[in-house]
Amino acid sequence: METFEALGHSAEWIPKTRSAKTADFYWTSRDGRPWDIKSPSLDGWTTMTVKQQYSRVSRRISDDARSKKNVVIDLNDQRVTVALARELAPFNTRRKNDADHQIAQLVVLSQGGFRPIPLA
């Protein structure tokens, strides 16, 4: 949340309950919708291939894709490369036979900035 606010955005936490799965926050300064933030392990990130990076990110997204359709991937200080963005864009296409695991929006938070990923 501190990163969001430092970048001039505002968000409101969504309280978790025992009975309902929920996204993490409403992104009030963007679209007001519920968003889920995922932080993949960045151990060894710089030595991984793009395919390995994609695999790590996509597993984190898929964990909750049935109930969480707007996703922010937090890469901290790691750079989202053009190659990784290209690999992420067809996330839904790769799941065309499994609509429950598709998402509506994907944004990567990387090196203090937001990069929307246009989903194919």
C-alpha atoms as a PDB file:
ATOM      1  CA  MET A   1       0.000   0.000   0.000  1.00  0.00           C
ATOM      2  CA  GLU A   2       2.910   2.330   0.737  1.00  0.00           C
ATOM      3  CA  THR A   3       4.201   1.866  -2.803  1.00  0.00           C
ATOM      4  CA  PHE A   4       0.782   2.687  -4.254  1.00  0.00           C
ATOM      5  CA  GLU A   5       0.503   5.847  -2.197  1.00  0.00           C
ATOM      6  CA  ALA A   6       4.070   6.926  -3.003  1.00  0.00           C
ATOM      7  CA  LEU A   7       3.149   6.686  -6.696  1.00  0.00           C
ATOM      8  CA  GLY A   8       0.127   8.913  -6.158  1.00  0.00           C
ATOM      9  CA  HIS A   9      -2.500   6.156  -6.114  1.00  0.00           C
ATOM     10  CA  SER A  10      -5.049   5.359  -3.463  1.00  0.00           C
ATOM     11  CA  ALA A  11      -6.500   2.051  -2.421  1.00  0.00           C
ATOM     12  CA  GLU A  12      -8.757   0.697   0.275  1.00  0.00           C
ATOM     13  CA  TRP A  13      -8.124  -2.670   1.917  1.00  0.00           C
ATOM     14  CA  ILE A  14     -10.892  -5.248   1.675  1.00  0.00           C
ATOM     15  CA  PRO A  15     -11.278  -7.090   4.954  1.00  0.00           C
ATOM     16  CA  LYS A  16     -11.082 -10.850   4.685  1.00  0.00           C
ATOM     17  CA  THR A  17     -13.831 -12.975   6.158  1.00  0.00           C
ATOM     18  CA  ARG A  18     -14.039 -16.681   6.839  1.00  0.00           C
ATOM     19  CA  SER A  19     -16.975 -17.141   4.505  1.00  0.00           C
ATOM     20  CA  ALA A  20     -15.826 -15.195   1.480  1.00  0.00           C
ATOM     21  CA  LYS A  21     -12.695 -15.116  -0.618  1.00  0.00           C
ATOM     22  CA  THR A  22     -11.820 -11.555  -1.434  1.00  0.00           C
ATOM     23  CA  ALA A  23      -9.339  -9.580  -3.422  1.00  0.00           C
ATOM     24  CA  ASP A  24      -6.838  -7.550  -1.458  1.00  0.00           C
ATOM     25  CA  PHE A  25      -7.933  -3.981  -2.155  1.00  0.00           C
ATOM     26  CA  TYR A  26     -10.137  -1.617  -4.106  1.00  0.00           C
ATOM     27  CA  TRP A  27      -7.922   0.468  -6.375  1.00  0.00           C
ATOM     28  CA  THR A  28      -9.842   3.663  -5.776  1.00  0.00           C
ATOM     29  CA  SER A  29      -7.649   5.952  -7.866  1.00  0.00           C
ATOM     30  CA  ARG A  30      -7.754   3.645 -10.900  1.00  0.00           C
ATOM     31  CA  ASP A  31     -11.108   1.973 -11.461  1.00  0.00           C
ATOM     32  CA  GLY A  32     -12.548   1.316  -8.014  1.00  0.00           C
ATOM     33  CA  ARG A  33     -12.609  -2.425  -8.678  1.00  0.00           C
ATOM     34  CA  PRO A  34     -11.234  -5.105  -6.383  1.00  0.00           C
ATOM     35  CA  TRP A  35      -7.641  -6.058  -7.165  1.00  0.00           C
ATOM     36  CA  ASP A  36      -5.467  -8.896  -5.943  1.00  0.00           C
ATOM     37  CA  ILE A  37      -1.761  -8.329  -5.423  1.00  0.00           C
ATOM     38  CA  LYS A  38       0.635 -11.197  -5.994  1.00  0.00           C
ATOM     39  CA  SER A  39       4.306 -11.170  -5.072  1.00  0.00           C
ATOM     40  CA  PRO A  40       6.171 -14.042  -6.682  1.00  0.00           C
ATOM     41  CA  SER A  41       9.404 -15.177  -5.101  1.00  0.00           C
ATOM     42  CA  LEU A  42      12.203 -13.159  -6.656  1.00  0.00           C
ATOM     43  CA  ASP A  43      14.989 -15.493  -5.527  1.00  0.00           C
ATOM     44  CA  GLY A  44      17.261 -15.995  -8.527  1.00  0.00           C
ATOM     45  CA  TRP A  45      15.029 -13.792 -10.715  1.00  0.00           C
ATOM     46  CA  THR A  46      17.868 -12.161 -12.659  1.00  0.00           C
ATOM     47  CA  THR A  47      19.377 -15.507 -13.660  1.00  0.00           C
ATOM     48  CA  MET A  48      16.076 -17.046 -14.798  1.00  0.00           C
ATOM     49  CA  THR A  49      14.969 -17.326 -18.388  1.00  0.00           C
ATOM     50  CA  VAL A  50      11.850 -15.424 -19.445  1.00  0.00           C
ATOM     51  CA  LYS A  51       9.960 -18.738 -19.577  1.00  0.00           C
ATOM     52  CA  GLN A  52      10.965 -19.475 -15.986  1.00  0.00           C
ATOM     53  CA  GLN A  53       9.915 -15.980 -14.873  1.00  0.00           C
ATOM     54  CA  TYR A  54       6.577 -16.404 -16.659  1.00  0.00           C
ATOM     55  CA  SER A  55       6.047 -19.778 -15.018  1.00  0.00           C
ATOM     56  CA  ARG A  56       6.645 -18.328 -11.563  1.00  0.00           C
ATOM     57  CA  VAL A  57       4.298 -15.381 -12.186  1.00  0.00           C
ATOM     58  CA  SER A  58       1.562 -17.411 -13.885  1.00  0.00           C
ATOM     59  CA  ARG A  59       1.444 -19.907 -11.009  1.00  0.00           C
ATOM     60  CA  ARG A  60       0.830 -17.032  -8.590  1.00  0.00           C
ATOM     61  CA  ILE A  61      -1.965 -15.650 -10.784  1.00  0.00           C
ATOM     62  CA  SER A  62      -3.582 -19.056 -11.280  1.00  0.00           C
ATOM     63  CA  ASP A  63      -3.704 -19.722  -7.523  1.00  0.00           C
ATOM     64  CA  ASP A  64      -6.791 -17.524  -7.144  1.00  0.00           C
ATOM     65  CA  ALA A  65      -7.907 -16.779 -10.705  1.00  0.00           C
ATOM     66  CA  ARG A  66     -11.348 -18.314 -10.119  1.00  0.00           C
ATOM     67  CA  SER A  67     -12.300 -15.551  -7.699  1.00  0.00           C
ATOM     68  CA  LYS A  68      -9.795 -12.768  -8.333  1.00  0.00           C
ATOM     69  CA  LYS A  69      -9.965 -11.314 -11.823  1.00  0.00           C
ATOM     70  CA  ASN A  70      -7.882  -8.111 -11.559  1.00  0.00           C
ATOM     71  CA  VAL A  71      -4.270  -8.815 -10.663  1.00  0.00           C
ATOM     72  CA  VAL A  72      -1.214  -6.732  -9.790  1.00  0.00           C
ATOM     73  CA  ILE A  73       2.097  -8.575  -9.922  1.00  0.00           C
ATOM     74  CA  ASP A  74       4.614  -6.912  -7.601  1.00  0.00           C
ATOM     75  CA  LEU A  75       8.162  -7.379  -8.875  1.00  0.00           C
ATOM     76  CA  ASN A  76       9.589  -4.890  -6.404  1.00  0.00           C
ATOM     77  CA  ASP A  77      12.846  -3.527  -7.811  1.00  0.00           C
ATOM     78  CA  GLN A  78      13.065  -6.103 -10.587  1.00  0.00           C
ATOM     79  CA  ARG A  79      12.497  -4.839 -14.100  1.00  0.00           C
ATOM     80  CA  VAL A  80       9.615  -6.106 -16.199  1.00  0.00           C
ATOM     81  CA  THR A  81      11.279  -6.726 -19.526  1.00  0.00           C
ATOM     82  CA  VAL A  82       9.659  -6.422 -22.941  1.00  0.00           C
ATOM     83  CA  ALA A  83      10.138 -10.178 -23.306  1.00  0.00           C
ATOM     84  CA  LEU A  84       8.312 -10.911 -20.037  1.00  0.00           C
ATOM     85  CA  ALA A  85       5.469  -8.526 -20.947  1.00  0.00           C
ATOM     86  CA  ARG A  86       5.135 -10.348 -24.296  1.00  0.00           C
ATOM     87  CA  GLU A  87       5.065 -13.676 -22.474  1.00  0.00           C
ATOM     88  CA  LEU A  88       2.360 -12.447 -20.062  1.00  0.00           C
ATOM     89  CA  ALA A  89       0.059 -10.951 -22.720  1.00  0.00           C
ATOM     90  CA  PRO A  90      -1.403 -14.304 -23.909  1.00  0.00           C
ATOM     91  CA  PHE A  91      -2.099 -15.473 -20.329  1.00  0.00           C
ATOM     92  CA  ASN A  92      -5.824 -15.915 -21.072  1.00  0.00           C
ATOM     93  CA  THR A  93      -5.243 -17.375 -24.525  1.00  0.00           C
ATOM     94  CA  ARG A  94      -3.251 -20.161 -22.919  1.00  0.00           C
ATOM     95  CA  ARG A  95      -6.324 -20.881 -20.776  1.00  0.00           C
ATOM     96  CA  LYS A  96      -8.931 -20.605 -23.537  1.00  0.00           C
ATOM     97  CA  ASN A  97     -10.454 -23.962 -22.550  1.00  0.00           C
ATOM     98  CA  ASP A  98     -10.584 -23.026 -18.865  1.00  0.00           C
ATOM     99  CA  ALA A  99     -12.484 -19.739 -18.539  1.00  0.00           C
ATOM    100  CA  ASP A 100     -12.495 -20.030 -14.727  1.00  0.00           C
ATOM    101  CA  HIS A 101      -8.749 -19.421 -14.707  1.00  0.00           C
ATOM    102  CA  GLN A 102      -8.755 -16.376 -16.963  1.00  0.00           C
ATOM    103  CA  ILE A 103      -8.363 -12.860 -15.613  1.00  0.00           C
ATOM    104  CA  ALA A 104      -9.795  -9.490 -16.641  1.00  0.00           C
ATOM    105  CA  GLN A 105      -6.806  -7.180 -16.041  1.00  0.00           C
ATOM    106  CA  LEU A 106      -3.105  -7.556 -15.348  1.00  0.00           C
ATOM    107  CA  VAL A 107      -0.740  -4.839 -14.152  1.00  0.00           C
ATOM    108  CA  VAL A 108       2.912  -5.275 -13.194  1.00  0.00           C
ATOM    109  CA  LEU A 109       4.397  -3.087 -10.464  1.00  0.00           C
ATOM    110  CA  SER A 110       8.077  -2.868 -11.275  1.00  0.00           C
ATOM    111  CA  GLN A 111      10.828  -0.484 -10.200  1.00  0.00           C
ATOM    112  CA  GLY A 112       8.348   1.997  -8.785  1.00  0.00           C
ATOM    113  CA  GLY A 113       6.014   2.116 -11.764  1.00  0.00           C
ATOM    114  CA  PHE A 114       2.917   0.405 -13.121  1.00  0.00           C
ATOM    115  CA  ARG A 115       2.878  -1.370 -16.449  1.00  0.00           C
ATOM    116  CA  PRO A 116      -0.515  -2.581 -17.675  1.00  0.00           C
ATOM    117  CA  ILE A 117      -0.248  -5.797 -19.672  1.00  0.00           C
ATOM    118  CA  PRO A 118      -2.764  -5.892 -22.534  1.00  0.00           C
ATOM    119  CA  LEU A 119      -4.220  -9.397 -22.387  1.00  0.00           C
ATOM    120  CA  ALA A 120      -4.700 -11.207 -25.690  1.00  0.00           C
END
